[in-house]
N, C-alpha and C. Protein backbone atom coordinates (compact mmCIF):
# COMPACT_ATOMS: atom_id res chain seq x y z
N MET A 1 101.55 102.62 81.58
CA MET A 1 100.17 102.90 81.93
C MET A 1 99.71 101.95 83.05
N ARG A 2 100.02 100.66 82.90
CA ARG A 2 99.60 99.69 83.91
C ARG A 2 100.33 99.93 85.23
N ILE A 3 101.58 100.38 85.14
CA ILE A 3 102.36 100.64 86.36
C ILE A 3 101.72 101.80 87.12
N ASP A 4 101.36 102.86 86.42
CA ASP A 4 100.72 104.01 87.06
C ASP A 4 99.43 103.59 87.76
N TYR A 5 98.65 102.76 87.09
CA TYR A 5 97.39 102.29 87.67
C TYR A 5 97.64 101.53 88.97
N VAL A 6 98.60 100.62 88.94
CA VAL A 6 98.90 99.80 90.13
C VAL A 6 99.43 100.67 91.26
N ILE A 7 100.33 101.60 90.96
CA ILE A 7 100.90 102.47 92.00
C ILE A 7 99.81 103.32 92.64
N ASN A 8 98.92 103.88 91.84
CA ASN A 8 97.83 104.69 92.39
C ASN A 8 96.89 103.85 93.25
N LYS A 9 96.60 102.65 92.81
CA LYS A 9 95.72 101.76 93.56
C LYS A 9 96.34 101.40 94.92
N VAL A 10 97.61 101.03 94.90
CA VAL A 10 98.30 100.66 96.15
C VAL A 10 98.46 101.88 97.05
N ALA A 11 98.68 103.05 96.47
CA ALA A 11 98.83 104.28 97.26
C ALA A 11 97.55 104.59 98.04
N GLN A 12 96.41 104.18 97.51
CA GLN A 12 95.15 104.43 98.21
C GLN A 12 94.85 103.37 99.26
N THR A 13 95.28 102.14 99.01
CA THR A 13 94.91 101.04 99.91
C THR A 13 95.97 100.73 100.97
N HIS A 14 97.23 101.05 100.71
CA HIS A 14 98.31 100.64 101.61
C HIS A 14 99.12 101.79 102.20
N ARG A 15 98.68 103.02 102.00
CA ARG A 15 99.47 104.14 102.51
C ARG A 15 99.59 104.09 104.03
N GLY A 16 100.78 104.44 104.53
CA GLY A 16 101.02 104.44 105.96
C GLY A 16 101.41 103.08 106.52
N GLN A 17 101.37 102.03 105.71
CA GLN A 17 101.76 100.70 106.18
C GLN A 17 103.27 100.53 106.02
N SER A 18 103.79 99.42 106.48
CA SER A 18 105.23 99.18 106.41
C SER A 18 105.69 99.10 104.96
N GLU A 19 106.96 99.44 104.74
CA GLU A 19 107.52 99.40 103.39
C GLU A 19 107.44 97.99 102.81
N ASP A 20 107.67 96.98 103.64
CA ASP A 20 107.61 95.60 103.15
C ASP A 20 106.22 95.24 102.65
N ALA A 21 105.20 95.63 103.40
CA ALA A 21 103.82 95.33 103.00
C ALA A 21 103.46 96.05 101.70
N VAL A 22 103.89 97.30 101.59
CA VAL A 22 103.60 98.08 100.39
C VAL A 22 104.33 97.49 99.19
N ALA A 23 105.61 97.16 99.38
CA ALA A 23 106.40 96.58 98.29
C ALA A 23 105.80 95.25 97.82
N GLN A 24 105.35 94.44 98.75
CA GLN A 24 104.75 93.15 98.38
C GLN A 24 103.45 93.37 97.60
N ALA A 25 102.65 94.33 98.03
CA ALA A 25 101.40 94.63 97.33
C ALA A 25 101.68 95.12 95.90
N ILE A 26 102.66 96.00 95.76
CA ILE A 26 103.02 96.50 94.42
C ILE A 26 103.50 95.34 93.55
N HIS A 27 104.38 94.53 94.09
CA HIS A 27 104.93 93.39 93.35
C HIS A 27 103.83 92.45 92.89
N ASP A 28 102.95 92.07 93.81
CA ASP A 28 101.87 91.14 93.48
C ASP A 28 100.93 91.70 92.41
N GLN A 29 100.58 92.96 92.56
CA GLN A 29 99.62 93.55 91.62
C GLN A 29 100.24 93.81 90.25
N LEU A 30 101.53 94.15 90.22
CA LEU A 30 102.20 94.31 88.93
C LEU A 30 102.25 92.97 88.19
N ARG A 31 102.59 91.91 88.93
CA ARG A 31 102.63 90.58 88.31
C ARG A 31 101.25 90.18 87.80
N ALA A 32 100.20 90.57 88.51
CA ALA A 32 98.84 90.21 88.12
C ALA A 32 98.43 90.87 86.80
N VAL A 33 98.99 92.05 86.51
CA VAL A 33 98.65 92.72 85.25
C VAL A 33 99.69 92.46 84.16
N GLY A 34 100.63 91.55 84.43
CA GLY A 34 101.59 91.15 83.42
C GLY A 34 102.82 92.00 83.29
N VAL A 35 103.20 92.70 84.36
CA VAL A 35 104.40 93.54 84.33
C VAL A 35 105.46 92.89 85.21
N VAL A 36 106.68 92.76 84.68
CA VAL A 36 107.78 92.24 85.49
C VAL A 36 108.31 93.40 86.32
N PRO A 37 108.19 93.30 87.65
CA PRO A 37 108.58 94.42 88.51
C PRO A 37 110.09 94.64 88.56
N ASN A 38 110.48 95.90 88.68
CA ASN A 38 111.87 96.29 88.87
C ASN A 38 112.04 96.54 90.37
N GLY A 39 112.91 95.76 91.00
CA GLY A 39 113.08 95.82 92.45
C GLY A 39 113.43 97.19 92.99
N ARG A 40 114.30 97.90 92.28
CA ARG A 40 114.72 99.23 92.75
C ARG A 40 113.56 100.22 92.69
N GLN A 41 112.77 100.17 91.62
CA GLN A 41 111.62 101.07 91.51
C GLN A 41 110.56 100.73 92.55
N ILE A 42 110.34 99.45 92.79
CA ILE A 42 109.35 99.05 93.80
C ILE A 42 109.77 99.60 95.16
N ALA A 43 111.05 99.51 95.48
CA ALA A 43 111.53 100.01 96.77
C ALA A 43 111.30 101.52 96.89
N GLN A 44 111.53 102.26 95.81
CA GLN A 44 111.32 103.71 95.85
C GLN A 44 109.84 104.05 96.04
N TYR A 45 108.98 103.37 95.30
CA TYR A 45 107.54 103.60 95.45
C TYR A 45 107.08 103.22 96.85
N ALA A 46 107.56 102.08 97.36
CA ALA A 46 107.15 101.60 98.68
C ALA A 46 107.55 102.58 99.77
N THR A 47 108.75 103.15 99.67
CA THR A 47 109.21 104.13 100.65
C THR A 47 108.29 105.35 100.65
N ALA A 48 107.96 105.84 99.46
CA ALA A 48 107.11 107.03 99.35
C ALA A 48 105.69 106.75 99.86
N ILE A 49 105.12 105.61 99.48
CA ILE A 49 103.75 105.30 99.87
C ILE A 49 103.65 105.04 101.37
N SER A 50 104.64 104.37 101.95
CA SER A 50 104.57 104.09 103.39
C SER A 50 104.72 105.36 104.22
N ALA A 51 105.32 106.40 103.65
CA ALA A 51 105.49 107.67 104.37
C ALA A 51 104.21 108.51 104.36
N LEU A 52 103.26 108.17 103.51
CA LEU A 52 102.01 108.93 103.44
C LEU A 52 101.13 108.64 104.66
N PRO A 53 100.35 109.61 105.09
CA PRO A 53 99.42 109.34 106.21
C PRO A 53 98.28 108.45 105.72
N GLN A 54 97.76 107.64 106.61
CA GLN A 54 96.64 106.77 106.26
C GLN A 54 95.39 107.58 106.03
N ILE A 55 94.55 107.10 105.12
CA ILE A 55 93.27 107.76 104.84
C ILE A 55 92.30 107.33 105.93
N PRO A 56 91.62 108.28 106.58
CA PRO A 56 90.65 107.90 107.60
C PRO A 56 89.49 107.13 106.97
N PRO A 57 88.92 106.19 107.71
CA PRO A 57 87.80 105.41 107.15
C PRO A 57 86.59 106.29 106.88
N LYS A 58 85.85 105.93 105.84
CA LYS A 58 84.64 106.68 105.50
C LYS A 58 83.54 106.34 106.48
N LYS A 59 82.73 107.34 106.83
CA LYS A 59 81.66 107.14 107.81
C LYS A 59 80.36 106.83 107.14
């Protein structure tokens, strides 16, 4: 449940950024909620999130 929350949060804030930046954000936020991150899963999520187009800023 906590992993889903973190992935959704990072997907909204870091989409379209570099894989390294996305992976670091996922890692940091998972650690903050008490989850020990799995490196392989983080890499898969980071690849998918970085491939998403960025959300245009709200006016």
